[in-house]
Amino acid sequence: MVSAEQKDRITEAIAAEVRAKRGLRGISCDELADRADLSQPAMASIERAEREIEMSELYRICSVLDIEPSDLLQAAQNALRNDQA
């Protein structure tokens, strides 16, 4: 079972990875939101780790960023491993 603290760390890791991948591609938060069919406030709250990302959002964001969902999930897994080390 995942603790509330671990959920927060997962959310933060995914948010950081989305920001990093978006930055590498030179896409603004607004542009990513538009292309992923998300509202700008929703995209901003995902990037600030204010809420957990939904699976459908994860797939749409990854499609725009041309990455696999596993890339974001791996970042979350790595964050949890680092917390345990």
N, C-alpha and C. Protein backbone atom coordinates (compact mmCIF):
# COMPACT_ATOMS: atom_id res chain seq x y z
N MET A 1 0.84 -1.18 0.00
CA MET A 1 0.00 0.00 0.00
C MET A 1 0.89 1.24 0.00
N VAL A 2 0.44 2.25 -0.69
CA VAL A 2 1.20 3.50 -0.82
C VAL A 2 0.70 4.48 0.23
N SER A 3 1.63 5.04 0.99
CA SER A 3 1.27 6.01 2.01
C SER A 3 0.94 7.36 1.38
N ALA A 4 0.34 8.23 2.14
CA ALA A 4 0.03 9.59 1.66
C ALA A 4 1.32 10.32 1.30
N GLU A 5 2.35 10.11 2.08
CA GLU A 5 3.65 10.74 1.81
C GLU A 5 4.22 10.24 0.48
N GLN A 6 4.10 8.95 0.23
CA GLN A 6 4.59 8.38 -1.02
C GLN A 6 3.78 8.90 -2.21
N LYS A 7 2.46 9.01 -2.03
CA LYS A 7 1.62 9.58 -3.09
C LYS A 7 2.07 10.99 -3.44
N ASP A 8 2.35 11.77 -2.42
CA ASP A 8 2.83 13.13 -2.65
C ASP A 8 4.14 13.13 -3.42
N ARG A 9 5.04 12.22 -3.06
CA ARG A 9 6.35 12.13 -3.73
C ARG A 9 6.19 11.70 -5.18
N ILE A 10 5.28 10.78 -5.44
CA ILE A 10 4.99 10.35 -6.81
C ILE A 10 4.46 11.51 -7.62
N THR A 11 3.51 12.24 -7.06
CA THR A 11 2.93 13.39 -7.75
C THR A 11 3.99 14.44 -8.04
N GLU A 12 4.87 14.70 -7.09
CA GLU A 12 5.95 15.68 -7.28
C GLU A 12 6.93 15.23 -8.35
N ALA A 13 7.26 13.95 -8.36
CA ALA A 13 8.21 13.43 -9.35
C ALA A 13 7.64 13.50 -10.76
N ILE A 14 6.39 13.15 -10.91
CA ILE A 14 5.75 13.23 -12.23
C ILE A 14 5.67 14.68 -12.67
N ALA A 15 5.32 15.58 -11.77
CA ALA A 15 5.23 17.00 -12.11
C ALA A 15 6.59 17.53 -12.57
N ALA A 16 7.63 17.17 -11.86
CA ALA A 16 8.97 17.63 -12.22
C ALA A 16 9.39 17.09 -13.58
N GLU A 17 9.06 15.85 -13.85
CA GLU A 17 9.43 15.24 -15.13
C GLU A 17 8.63 15.88 -16.29
N VAL A 18 7.36 16.16 -16.07
CA VAL A 18 6.57 16.84 -17.10
C VAL A 18 7.18 18.21 -17.39
N ARG A 19 7.51 18.96 -16.36
CA ARG A 19 8.13 20.29 -16.56
C ARG A 19 9.44 20.17 -17.33
N ALA A 20 10.26 19.19 -16.95
CA ALA A 20 11.56 19.02 -17.60
C ALA A 20 11.39 18.64 -19.07
N LYS A 21 10.53 17.70 -19.36
CA LYS A 21 10.32 17.26 -20.75
C LYS A 21 9.72 18.40 -21.58
N ARG A 22 8.80 19.12 -20.99
CA ARG A 22 8.19 20.25 -21.69
C ARG A 22 9.24 21.31 -22.00
N GLY A 23 10.09 21.59 -21.04
CA GLY A 23 11.15 22.57 -21.23
C GLY A 23 12.12 22.16 -22.32
N LEU A 24 12.46 20.87 -22.37
CA LEU A 24 13.37 20.38 -23.40
C LEU A 24 12.80 20.54 -24.80
N ARG A 25 11.49 20.52 -24.89
CA ARG A 25 10.84 20.64 -26.18
C ARG A 25 10.44 22.09 -26.51
N GLY A 26 10.69 22.98 -25.57
CA GLY A 26 10.38 24.39 -25.81
C GLY A 26 8.90 24.68 -25.91
N ILE A 27 8.11 23.94 -25.16
CA ILE A 27 6.65 24.10 -25.18
C ILE A 27 6.22 24.80 -23.90
N SER A 28 5.41 25.81 -24.03
CA SER A 28 4.90 26.50 -22.84
C SER A 28 3.85 25.63 -22.16
N CYS A 29 3.59 25.94 -20.91
CA CYS A 29 2.55 25.23 -20.16
C CYS A 29 1.20 25.40 -20.85
N ASP A 30 0.92 26.60 -21.32
CA ASP A 30 -0.35 26.86 -22.02
C ASP A 30 -0.44 26.04 -23.30
N GLU A 31 0.66 25.95 -24.05
CA GLU A 31 0.65 25.18 -25.29
C GLU A 31 0.45 23.70 -25.01
N LEU A 32 1.13 23.19 -23.98
CA LEU A 32 0.95 21.79 -23.62
C LEU A 32 -0.49 21.53 -23.21
N ALA A 33 -1.06 22.41 -22.43
CA ALA A 33 -2.45 22.26 -22.02
C ALA A 33 -3.37 22.21 -23.23
N ASP A 34 -3.17 23.13 -24.16
CA ASP A 34 -4.02 23.20 -25.35
C ASP A 34 -3.88 21.93 -26.19
N ARG A 35 -2.65 21.52 -26.43
CA ARG A 35 -2.41 20.36 -27.29
C ARG A 35 -2.83 19.05 -26.62
N ALA A 36 -2.83 19.00 -25.30
CA ALA A 36 -3.25 17.80 -24.56
C ALA A 36 -4.74 17.84 -24.19
N ASP A 37 -5.43 18.87 -24.67
CA ASP A 37 -6.87 19.04 -24.41
C ASP A 37 -7.17 19.11 -22.91
N LEU A 38 -6.35 19.93 -22.22
CA LEU A 38 -6.55 20.19 -20.80
C LEU A 38 -6.73 21.70 -20.62
N SER A 39 -7.41 22.08 -19.56
CA SER A 39 -7.48 23.51 -19.27
C SER A 39 -6.12 23.97 -18.75
N GLN A 40 -5.84 25.24 -18.92
CA GLN A 40 -4.56 25.78 -18.43
C GLN A 40 -4.46 25.62 -16.92
N PRO A 41 -5.52 25.90 -16.16
CA PRO A 41 -5.41 25.69 -14.70
C PRO A 41 -5.15 24.23 -14.33
N ALA A 42 -5.75 23.30 -15.07
CA ALA A 42 -5.52 21.88 -14.78
C ALA A 42 -4.06 21.52 -15.04
N MET A 43 -3.53 21.99 -16.18
CA MET A 43 -2.14 21.69 -16.52
C MET A 43 -1.19 22.31 -15.49
N ALA A 44 -1.47 23.54 -15.10
CA ALA A 44 -0.63 24.22 -14.12
C ALA A 44 -0.67 23.48 -12.78
N SER A 45 -1.83 23.00 -12.38
CA SER A 45 -1.92 22.29 -11.09
C SER A 45 -1.19 20.95 -11.15
N ILE A 46 -1.16 20.32 -12.31
CA ILE A 46 -0.39 19.08 -12.47
C ILE A 46 1.09 19.40 -12.34
N GLU A 47 1.55 20.46 -13.03
CA GLU A 47 2.96 20.81 -12.99
C GLU A 47 3.43 21.31 -11.62
N ARG A 48 2.52 21.83 -10.83
CA ARG A 48 2.88 22.28 -9.48
C ARG A 48 2.65 21.19 -8.45
N ALA A 49 2.27 20.01 -8.91
CA ALA A 49 2.02 18.86 -8.04
C ALA A 49 0.93 19.15 -7.01
N GLU A 50 -0.03 19.93 -7.42
CA GLU A 50 -1.14 20.26 -6.52
C GLU A 50 -2.24 19.20 -6.55
N ARG A 51 -2.20 18.37 -7.59
CA ARG A 51 -3.16 17.27 -7.66
C ARG A 51 -2.54 16.12 -8.45
N GLU A 52 -3.06 14.94 -8.20
CA GLU A 52 -2.58 13.75 -8.90
C GLU A 52 -3.05 13.79 -10.35
N ILE A 53 -2.22 13.30 -11.23
CA ILE A 53 -2.56 13.24 -12.64
C ILE A 53 -3.46 12.04 -12.90
N GLU A 54 -4.48 12.22 -13.71
CA GLU A 54 -5.35 11.11 -14.10
C GLU A 54 -4.70 10.36 -15.25
N MET A 55 -5.01 9.09 -15.38
CA MET A 55 -4.40 8.27 -16.42
C MET A 55 -4.66 8.84 -17.81
N SER A 56 -5.86 9.28 -18.07
CA SER A 56 -6.16 9.83 -19.40
C SER A 56 -5.33 11.09 -19.66
N GLU A 57 -5.11 11.89 -18.63
CA GLU A 57 -4.27 13.09 -18.77
C GLU A 57 -2.82 12.69 -19.01
N LEU A 58 -2.36 11.69 -18.29
CA LEU A 58 -1.00 11.20 -18.44
C LEU A 58 -0.74 10.79 -19.89
N TYR A 59 -1.66 10.04 -20.48
CA TYR A 59 -1.48 9.58 -21.86
C TYR A 59 -1.52 10.75 -22.84
N ARG A 60 -2.40 11.70 -22.64
CA ARG A 60 -2.47 12.85 -23.56
C ARG A 60 -1.22 13.71 -23.45
N ILE A 61 -0.75 13.95 -22.25
CA ILE A 61 0.47 14.75 -22.05
C ILE A 61 1.67 14.03 -22.68
N CYS A 62 1.78 12.74 -22.45
CA CYS A 62 2.90 11.98 -23.03
C CYS A 62 2.84 12.00 -24.55
N SER A 63 1.66 11.92 -25.11
CA SER A 63 1.52 11.97 -26.56
C SER A 63 2.06 13.29 -27.11
N VAL A 64 1.72 14.38 -26.49
CA VAL A 64 2.19 15.70 -26.93
C VAL A 64 3.71 15.80 -26.76
N LEU A 65 4.23 15.30 -25.66
CA LEU A 65 5.66 15.39 -25.39
C LEU A 65 6.47 14.32 -26.13
N ASP A 66 5.77 13.42 -26.82
CA ASP A 66 6.40 12.34 -27.58
C ASP A 66 7.28 11.47 -26.67
N ILE A 67 6.71 11.10 -25.54
CA ILE A 67 7.37 10.19 -24.61
C ILE A 67 6.38 9.09 -24.23
N GLU A 68 6.89 8.06 -23.63
CA GLU A 68 6.04 6.96 -23.17
C GLU A 68 5.58 7.24 -21.74
N PRO A 69 4.36 6.85 -21.39
CA PRO A 69 3.91 7.01 -20.00
C PRO A 69 4.89 6.36 -19.02
N SER A 70 5.53 5.30 -19.43
CA SER A 70 6.49 4.63 -18.55
C SER A 70 7.65 5.55 -18.17
N ASP A 71 7.97 6.53 -19.04
CA ASP A 71 9.03 7.49 -18.70
C ASP A 71 8.66 8.28 -17.45
N LEU A 72 7.42 8.73 -17.39
CA LEU A 72 6.97 9.50 -16.22
C LEU A 72 6.85 8.59 -15.00
N LEU A 73 6.35 7.39 -15.21
CA LEU A 73 6.20 6.47 -14.09
C LEU A 73 7.55 6.02 -13.56
N GLN A 74 8.53 5.90 -14.45
CA GLN A 74 9.88 5.53 -14.01
C GLN A 74 10.47 6.64 -13.13
N ALA A 75 10.21 7.89 -13.49
CA ALA A 75 10.67 9.01 -12.67
C ALA A 75 10.07 8.93 -11.27
N ALA A 76 8.80 8.56 -11.19
CA ALA A 76 8.15 8.41 -9.90
C ALA A 76 8.76 7.26 -9.11
N GLN A 77 9.01 6.15 -9.81
CA GLN A 77 9.62 4.99 -9.15
C GLN A 77 11.00 5.33 -8.62
N ASN A 78 11.77 6.05 -9.41
CA ASN A 78 13.12 6.46 -8.99
C ASN A 78 13.06 7.37 -7.76
N ALA A 79 12.08 8.25 -7.71
CA ALA A 79 11.93 9.14 -6.55
C ALA A 79 11.65 8.34 -5.29
N LEU A 80 10.79 7.32 -5.42
CA LEU A 80 10.49 6.49 -4.26
C LEU A 80 11.72 5.69 -3.81
N ARG A 81 12.47 5.20 -4.76
CA ARG A 81 13.70 4.47 -4.41
C ARG A 81 14.69 5.38 -3.68
N ASN A 82 14.83 6.62 -4.18
CA ASN A 82 15.75 7.56 -3.56
C ASN A 82 15.31 7.90 -2.14
N ASP A 83 14.00 7.95 -1.90
CA ASP A 83 13.50 8.22 -0.56
C ASP A 83 13.84 7.09 0.40
N GLN A 84 13.90 5.86 -0.12
CA GLN A 84 14.16 4.70 0.72
C GLN A 84 15.65 4.49 0.97
N ALA A 85 16.47 5.10 0.13
CA ALA A 85 17.93 4.91 0.26
C ALA A 85 18.51 5.67 1.42
